């Protein structure tokens, strides 16, 4: 059953406003999702970028470009015990 959100378009526009917790455009939604996926891969691979890149199926150079593009903050690797 579909969920009714009762969204109304702001005055002078055709598009309803998105709820505060959701991106308002497809581009913002894509950027948010990419940040999440990349951050998760980096975390899973203990900040080892070559492993994170392999996990994502991209080159390490592409990973670094996307980190810069999406403004992802990267912590150093956790200490080995």
Protein backbone atom coordinates (compact mmCIF):
# COMPACT_ATOMS: atom_id res chain seq x y z
CA UNK A 1 0.00 0.00 0.00
CA UNK A 2 1.51 3.42 -0.96
CA UNK A 3 2.35 5.86 1.80
CA UNK A 4 0.64 9.23 1.54
CA UNK A 5 2.98 12.13 2.30
CA UNK A 6 0.54 14.96 1.53
CA UNK A 7 3.27 17.09 -0.06
CA UNK A 8 2.19 20.45 -1.46
CA UNK A 9 4.06 22.47 -4.07
CA UNK A 10 5.41 25.81 -2.82
CA UNK A 11 3.81 28.91 -4.34
CA UNK A 12 4.87 29.43 -7.96
CA UNK A 13 6.38 25.94 -8.44
CA UNK A 14 5.17 22.62 -9.77
CA UNK A 15 7.38 20.44 -7.58
CA UNK A 16 6.48 19.57 -3.97
CA UNK A 17 9.05 20.24 -1.27
CA UNK A 18 10.88 17.18 0.02
CA UNK A 19 10.73 16.39 3.74
CA UNK A 20 13.70 17.79 5.68
CA UNK A 21 15.36 14.38 6.06
CA UNK A 22 15.36 13.62 2.31
CA UNK A 23 17.35 15.15 -0.54
CA UNK A 24 15.29 17.52 -2.66
CA UNK A 25 16.84 16.64 -6.05
CA UNK A 26 18.06 13.51 -7.78
CA UNK A 27 21.60 14.94 -7.86
CA UNK A 28 21.57 15.52 -4.09
CA UNK A 29 20.22 12.02 -3.53
CA UNK A 30 22.92 10.49 -5.71
CA UNK A 31 25.66 12.45 -3.92
CA UNK A 32 24.30 11.42 -0.53
CA UNK A 33 24.18 7.76 -1.58
CA UNK A 34 27.70 7.85 -3.08
CA UNK A 35 29.10 9.39 0.11
CA UNK A 36 27.48 6.65 2.16
CA UNK A 37 28.70 3.81 -0.08
CA UNK A 38 32.27 5.14 -0.33
CA UNK A 39 32.52 5.92 3.40
CA UNK A 40 31.24 2.45 4.26
CA UNK A 41 33.77 0.77 1.94
CA UNK A 42 36.61 2.79 3.47
CA UNK A 43 35.45 1.89 7.00
CA UNK A 44 35.05 -1.82 6.15
CA UNK A 45 38.58 -1.88 4.75
CA UNK A 46 40.14 -0.09 7.73
CA UNK A 47 41.00 3.01 5.63
CA UNK A 48 43.18 0.97 3.25
CA UNK A 49 42.30 2.78 0.04
CA UNK A 50 43.51 0.11 -2.38
CA UNK A 51 41.26 -2.47 -0.70
CA UNK A 52 38.32 -0.06 -0.57
CA UNK A 53 38.76 0.68 -4.29
CA UNK A 54 38.77 -3.04 -5.13
CA UNK A 55 35.69 -3.50 -2.93
CA UNK A 56 33.92 -0.74 -4.90
CA UNK A 57 35.15 -2.02 -8.27
CA UNK A 58 36.97 1.22 -9.14
CA UNK A 59 40.60 2.28 -9.39
CA UNK A 60 42.36 3.86 -6.42
CA UNK A 61 42.72 7.10 -8.41
CA UNK A 62 38.96 7.18 -9.03
CA UNK A 63 38.35 6.55 -5.33
CA UNK A 64 40.52 9.55 -4.41
CA UNK A 65 38.72 11.73 -7.00
CA UNK A 66 35.34 10.76 -5.58
CA UNK A 67 36.52 11.37 -2.01
CA UNK A 68 37.46 14.90 -3.07
CA UNK A 69 34.30 15.40 -5.16
CA UNK A 70 31.92 14.40 -2.37
CA UNK A 71 33.97 15.95 0.46
CA UNK A 72 34.38 12.70 2.36
CA UNK A 73 36.52 12.93 5.48
CA UNK A 74 38.91 9.99 5.84
CA UNK A 75 40.43 8.92 9.13
CA UNK A 76 43.77 7.15 9.21
CA UNK A 77 43.83 3.37 9.57
CA UNK A 78 43.07 1.95 13.00
CA UNK A 79 46.10 0.71 14.93
CA UNK A 80 46.91 -2.97 14.45
CA UNK A 81 46.57 -4.98 17.64
